[in-house]
């Protein structure tokens, strides 16, 4: 999926929908959280430490 990012034409499909979410046309469905973690290199535990705590308590 991320291989497509090396093609500048791929970004022609990029847009923002009415609720402010990043849209990639029909080719990719990716959450903004996953995109942020990919770009920053953060793990899920680093990005959402409260989720990790909730899972241990449950």
PDB file of N, CA and C in Angstrom:
ATOM      1  N   UNK A   1       0.817  -1.185   0.000  1.00  0.00           N
ATOM      2  CA  UNK A   1       0.000   0.000   0.000  1.00  0.00           C
ATOM      3  C   UNK A   1       0.866   1.256   0.000  1.00  0.00           C
ATOM      4  N   UNK A   2       1.897   1.318   0.828  1.00  0.00           N
ATOM      5  CA  UNK A   2       2.703   2.530   0.913  1.00  0.00           C
ATOM      6  C   UNK A   2       3.629   2.686  -0.289  1.00  0.00           C
ATOM      7  N   UNK A   3       3.813   1.642  -1.065  1.00  0.00           N
ATOM      8  CA  UNK A   3       4.615   1.748  -2.287  1.00  0.00           C
ATOM      9  C   UNK A   3       4.020   2.772  -3.245  1.00  0.00           C
ATOM     10  N   UNK A   4       2.710   2.885  -3.239  1.00  0.00           N
ATOM     11  CA  UNK A   4       2.032   3.850  -4.115  1.00  0.00           C
ATOM     12  C   UNK A   4       2.470   5.287  -3.821  1.00  0.00           C
ATOM     13  N   UNK A   5       2.923   5.548  -2.595  1.00  0.00           N
ATOM     14  CA  UNK A   5       3.313   6.903  -2.225  1.00  0.00           C
ATOM     15  C   UNK A   5       4.546   7.388  -2.964  1.00  0.00           C
ATOM     16  N   UNK A   6       5.297   6.488  -3.579  1.00  0.00           N
ATOM     17  CA  UNK A   6       6.475   6.912  -4.338  1.00  0.00           C
ATOM     18  C   UNK A   6       6.088   7.432  -5.724  1.00  0.00           C
ATOM     19  N   UNK A   7       4.837   7.310  -6.094  1.00  0.00           N
ATOM     20  CA  UNK A   7       4.342   7.799  -7.381  1.00  0.00           C
ATOM     21  C   UNK A   7       3.628   9.139  -7.171  1.00  0.00           C
ATOM     22  N   UNK A   8       4.189  10.246  -7.670  1.00  0.00           N
ATOM     23  CA  UNK A   8       3.564  11.561  -7.470  1.00  0.00           C
ATOM     24  C   UNK A   8       2.128  11.641  -7.999  1.00  0.00           C
ATOM     25  N   UNK A   9       1.798  10.882  -9.018  1.00  0.00           N
ATOM     26  CA  UNK A   9       0.441  10.906  -9.575  1.00  0.00           C
ATOM     27  C   UNK A   9      -0.585  10.372  -8.579  1.00  0.00           C
ATOM     28  N   UNK A  10      -0.135   9.522  -7.672  1.00  0.00           N
ATOM     29  CA  UNK A  10      -1.032   8.957  -6.669  1.00  0.00           C
ATOM     30  C   UNK A  10      -1.683  10.054  -5.833  1.00  0.00           C
ATOM     31  N   UNK A  11      -0.955  11.115  -5.559  1.00  0.00           N
ATOM     32  CA  UNK A  11      -1.456  12.182  -4.695  1.00  0.00           C
ATOM     33  C   UNK A  11      -2.515  13.051  -5.368  1.00  0.00           C
ATOM     34  N   UNK A  12      -2.731  12.861  -6.665  1.00  0.00           N
ATOM     35  CA  UNK A  12      -3.797  13.589  -7.354  1.00  0.00           C
ATOM     36  C   UNK A  12      -5.164  13.168  -6.820  1.00  0.00           C
ATOM     37  N   UNK A  13      -5.260  11.969  -6.225  1.00  0.00           N
ATOM     38  CA  UNK A  13      -6.515  11.466  -5.673  1.00  0.00           C
ATOM     39  C   UNK A  13      -6.780  11.966  -4.255  1.00  0.00           C
ATOM     40  N   UNK A  14      -5.801  12.562  -3.608  1.00  0.00           N
ATOM     41  CA  UNK A  14      -5.919  12.997  -2.226  1.00  0.00           C
ATOM     42  C   UNK A  14      -6.955  14.100  -2.078  1.00  0.00           C
ATOM     43  N   UNK A  15      -7.753  14.005  -1.024  1.00  0.00           N
ATOM     44  CA  UNK A  15      -8.739  15.032  -0.738  1.00  0.00           C
ATOM     45  C   UNK A  15      -9.137  14.990   0.726  1.00  0.00           C
ATOM     46  N   UNK A  16      -9.928  15.951   1.132  1.00  0.00           N
ATOM     47  CA  UNK A  16     -10.459  16.022   2.489  1.00  0.00           C
ATOM     48  C   UNK A  16     -11.979  16.005   2.376  1.00  0.00           C
ATOM     49  N   UNK A  17     -12.627  15.085   3.095  1.00  0.00           N
ATOM     50  CA  UNK A  17     -14.085  15.023   2.996  1.00  0.00           C
ATOM     51  C   UNK A  17     -14.741  16.043   3.919  1.00  0.00           C
ATOM     52  N   UNK A  18     -16.064  16.057   3.962  1.00  0.00           N
ATOM     53  CA  UNK A  18     -16.814  17.039   4.738  1.00  0.00           C
ATOM     54  C   UNK A  18     -16.570  16.985   6.229  1.00  0.00           C
ATOM     55  N   UNK A  19     -16.143  15.828   6.745  1.00  0.00           N
ATOM     56  CA  UNK A  19     -15.873  15.720   8.185  1.00  0.00           C
ATOM     57  C   UNK A  19     -14.404  15.941   8.528  1.00  0.00           C
ATOM     58  N   UNK A  20     -13.582  16.294   7.521  1.00  0.00           N
ATOM     59  CA  UNK A  20     -12.168  16.581   7.761  1.00  0.00           C
ATOM     60  C   UNK A  20     -11.249  15.391   7.657  1.00  0.00           C
ATOM     61  N   UNK A  21     -11.762  14.253   7.197  1.00  0.00           N
ATOM     62  CA  UNK A  21     -10.943  13.047   7.071  1.00  0.00           C
ATOM     63  C   UNK A  21     -10.200  13.036   5.739  1.00  0.00           C
ATOM     64  N   UNK A  22      -9.000  12.469   5.747  1.00  0.00           N
ATOM     65  CA  UNK A  22      -8.211  12.326   4.525  1.00  0.00           C
ATOM     66  C   UNK A  22      -8.845  11.243   3.653  1.00  0.00           C
ATOM     67  N   UNK A  23      -9.028  11.527   2.376  1.00  0.00           N
ATOM     68  CA  UNK A  23      -9.622  10.579   1.433  1.00  0.00           C
ATOM     69  C   UNK A  23      -8.631  10.328   0.301  1.00  0.00           C
ATOM     70  N   UNK A  24      -8.538   9.078  -0.118  1.00  0.00           N
ATOM     71  CA  UNK A  24      -7.605   8.683  -1.169  1.00  0.00           C
ATOM     72  C   UNK A  24      -8.336   8.155  -2.392  1.00  0.00           C
ATOM     73  N   UNK A  25      -9.492   8.661  -2.712  1.00  0.00           N
ATOM     74  CA  UNK A  25     -10.246   8.127  -3.833  1.00  0.00           C
ATOM     75  C   UNK A  25     -10.721   6.724  -3.490  1.00  0.00           C
ATOM     76  N   UNK A  26     -10.821   5.866  -4.484  1.00  0.00           N
ATOM     77  CA  UNK A  26     -11.274   4.494  -4.251  1.00  0.00           C
ATOM     78  C   UNK A  26     -10.129   3.523  -4.074  1.00  0.00           C
ATOM     79  N   UNK A  27      -8.878   3.989  -4.177  1.00  0.00           N
ATOM     80  CA  UNK A  27      -7.756   3.061  -4.199  1.00  0.00           C
ATOM     81  C   UNK A  27      -7.279   2.618  -2.823  1.00  0.00           C
ATOM     82  N   UNK A  28      -7.410   3.460  -1.794  1.00  0.00           N
ATOM     83  CA  UNK A  28      -6.891   3.116  -0.461  1.00  0.00           C
ATOM     84  C   UNK A  28      -7.850   3.645   0.603  1.00  0.00           C
ATOM     85  N   UNK A  29      -8.074   2.840   1.608  1.00  0.00           N
ATOM     86  CA  UNK A  29      -8.848   3.246   2.772  1.00  0.00           C
ATOM     87  C   UNK A  29      -7.925   3.137   3.972  1.00  0.00           C
ATOM     88  N   UNK A  30      -7.467   4.266   4.501  1.00  0.00           N
ATOM     89  CA  UNK A  30      -6.519   4.269   5.612  1.00  0.00           C
ATOM     90  C   UNK A  30      -6.970   5.295   6.647  1.00  0.00           C
ATOM     91  N   UNK A  31      -6.897   4.919   7.895  1.00  0.00           N
ATOM     92  CA  UNK A  31      -7.325   5.837   8.955  1.00  0.00           C
ATOM     93  C   UNK A  31      -6.274   6.920   9.182  1.00  0.00           C
ATOM     94  N   UNK A  32      -6.732   8.036   9.685  1.00  0.00           N
ATOM     95  CA  UNK A  32      -5.799   9.127   9.977  1.00  0.00           C
ATOM     96  C   UNK A  32      -4.818   8.728  11.077  1.00  0.00           C
ATOM     97  N   UNK A  33      -5.267   7.890  12.024  1.00  0.00           N
ATOM     98  CA  UNK A  33      -4.364   7.411  13.079  1.00  0.00           C
ATOM     99  C   UNK A  33      -3.251   6.543  12.494  1.00  0.00           C
ATOM    100  N   UNK A  34      -3.615   5.635  11.594  1.00  0.00           N
ATOM    101  CA  UNK A  34      -2.606   4.773  10.967  1.00  0.00           C
ATOM    102  C   UNK A  34      -1.630   5.597  10.139  1.00  0.00           C
ATOM    103  N   UNK A  35      -2.138   6.594   9.446  1.00  0.00           N
ATOM    104  CA  UNK A  35      -1.280   7.474   8.650  1.00  0.00           C
ATOM    105  C   UNK A  35      -0.303   8.223   9.555  1.00  0.00           C
ATOM    106  N   UNK A  36      -0.788   8.776  10.656  1.00  0.00           N
ATOM    107  CA  UNK A  36       0.070   9.503  11.589  1.00  0.00           C
ATOM    108  C   UNK A  36       1.159   8.603  12.163  1.00  0.00           C
ATOM    109  N   UNK A  37       0.770   7.376  12.574  1.00  0.00           N
ATOM    110  CA  UNK A  37       1.762   6.461  13.147  1.00  0.00           C
ATOM    111  C   UNK A  37       2.804   6.081  12.108  1.00  0.00           C
ATOM    112  N   UNK A  38       2.383   5.893  10.869  1.00  0.00           N
ATOM    113  CA  UNK A  38       3.332   5.539   9.796  1.00  0.00           C
ATOM    114  C   UNK A  38       4.319   6.686   9.559  1.00  0.00           C
ATOM    115  N   UNK A  39       3.830   7.902   9.520  1.00  0.00           N
ATOM    116  CA  UNK A  39       4.691   9.052   9.231  1.00  0.00           C
ATOM    117  C   UNK A  39       5.606   9.416  10.389  1.00  0.00           C
ATOM    118  N   UNK A  40       5.172   9.180  11.628  1.00  0.00           N
ATOM    119  CA  UNK A  40       5.988   9.536  12.789  1.00  0.00           C
ATOM    120  C   UNK A  40       6.829   8.380  13.306  1.00  0.00           C
ATOM    121  N   UNK A  41       6.487   7.149  12.896  1.00  0.00           N
ATOM    122  CA  UNK A  41       7.214   5.983  13.384  1.00  0.00           C
ATOM    123  C   UNK A  41       6.768   5.516  14.759  1.00  0.00           C
ATOM    124  N   UNK A  42       5.686   6.076  15.277  1.00  0.00           N
ATOM    125  CA  UNK A  42       5.187   5.674  16.584  1.00  0.00           C
ATOM    126  C   UNK A  42       4.476   4.329  16.508  1.00  0.00           C
ATOM    127  N   UNK A  43       4.601   3.549  17.564  1.00  0.00           N
ATOM    128  CA  UNK A  43       3.838   2.306  17.671  1.00  0.00           C
ATOM    129  C   UNK A  43       2.458   2.654  18.222  1.00  0.00           C
ATOM    130  N   UNK A  44       1.541   1.692  18.176  1.00  0.00           N
ATOM    131  CA  UNK A  44       0.205   1.911  18.725  1.00  0.00           C
ATOM    132  C   UNK A  44       0.287   2.219  20.217  1.00  0.00           C
ATOM    133  N   UNK A  45       1.158   1.518  20.926  1.00  0.00           N
ATOM    134  CA  UNK A  45       1.312   1.744  22.360  1.00  0.00           C
ATOM    135  C   UNK A  45       1.850   3.140  22.669  1.00  0.00           C
ATOM    136  N   UNK A  46       2.729   3.648  21.809  1.00  0.00           N
ATOM    137  CA  UNK A  46       3.270   5.000  22.008  1.00  0.00           C
ATOM    138  C   UNK A  46       2.230   6.062  21.663  1.00  0.00           C
ATOM    139  N   UNK A  47       1.459   5.812  20.624  1.00  0.00           N
ATOM    140  CA  UNK A  47       0.460   6.791  20.159  1.00  0.00           C
ATOM    141  C   UNK A  47      -0.762   6.828  21.065  1.00  0.00           C
ATOM    142  N   UNK A  48      -1.156   5.663  21.577  1.00  0.00           N
ATOM    143  CA  UNK A  48      -2.348   5.573  22.427  1.00  0.00           C
ATOM    144  C   UNK A  48      -2.033   4.814  23.712  1.00  0.00           C
ATOM    145  N   UNK A  49      -1.223   5.383  24.597  1.00  0.00           N
ATOM    146  CA  UNK A  49      -0.848   4.666  25.822  1.00  0.00           C
ATOM    147  C   UNK A  49      -2.050   4.330  26.696  1.00  0.00           C
ATOM    148  N   UNK A  50      -3.100   5.150  26.648  1.00  0.00           N
ATOM    149  CA  UNK A  50      -4.288   4.876  27.447  1.00  0.00           C
ATOM    150  C   UNK A  50      -4.983   3.593  26.987  1.00  0.00           C
ATOM    151  N   UNK A  51      -4.887   3.250  25.726  1.00  0.00           N
ATOM    152  CA  UNK A  51      -5.466   2.011  25.211  1.00  0.00           C
ATOM    153  C   UNK A  51      -4.723   0.811  25.791  1.00  0.00           C
ATOM    154  N   UNK A  52      -3.410   0.883  25.823  1.00  0.00           N
ATOM    155  CA  UNK A  52      -2.616  -0.195  26.405  1.00  0.00           C
ATOM    156  C   UNK A  52      -2.992  -0.408  27.865  1.00  0.00           C
ATOM    157  N   UNK A  53      -3.169   0.666  28.604  1.00  0.00           N
ATOM    158  CA  UNK A  53      -3.558   0.571  30.021  1.00  0.00           C
ATOM    159  C   UNK A  53      -4.943  -0.057  30.150  1.00  0.00           C
ATOM    160  N   UNK A  54      -5.881   0.334  29.290  1.00  0.00           N
ATOM    161  CA  UNK A  54      -7.235  -0.206  29.332  1.00  0.00           C
ATOM    162  C   UNK A  54      -7.246  -1.697  29.081  1.00  0.00           C
ATOM    163  N   UNK A  55      -6.401  -2.174  28.184  1.00  0.00           N
ATOM    164  CA  UNK A  55      -6.358  -3.596  27.861  1.00  0.00           C
ATOM    165  C   UNK A  55      -5.807  -4.402  29.039  1.00  0.00           C
ATOM    166  N   UNK A  56      -4.855  -3.831  29.767  1.00  0.00           N
ATOM    167  CA  UNK A  56      -4.284  -4.545  30.922  1.00  0.00           C
ATOM    168  C   UNK A  56      -5.284  -4.625  32.065  1.00  0.00           C
ATOM    169  N   UNK A  57      -6.112  -3.592  32.220  1.00  0.00           N
ATOM    170  CA  UNK A  57      -7.073  -3.550  33.311  1.00  0.00           C
ATOM    171  C   UNK A  57      -8.263  -4.469  33.011  1.00  0.00           C
ATOM    172  N   UNK A  58      -8.637  -4.596  31.769  1.00  0.00           N
ATOM    173  CA  UNK A  58      -9.832  -5.382  31.382  1.00  0.00           C
ATOM    174  C   UNK A  58      -9.691  -6.838  31.562  1.00  0.00           C
TER     175      UNK A  58
END
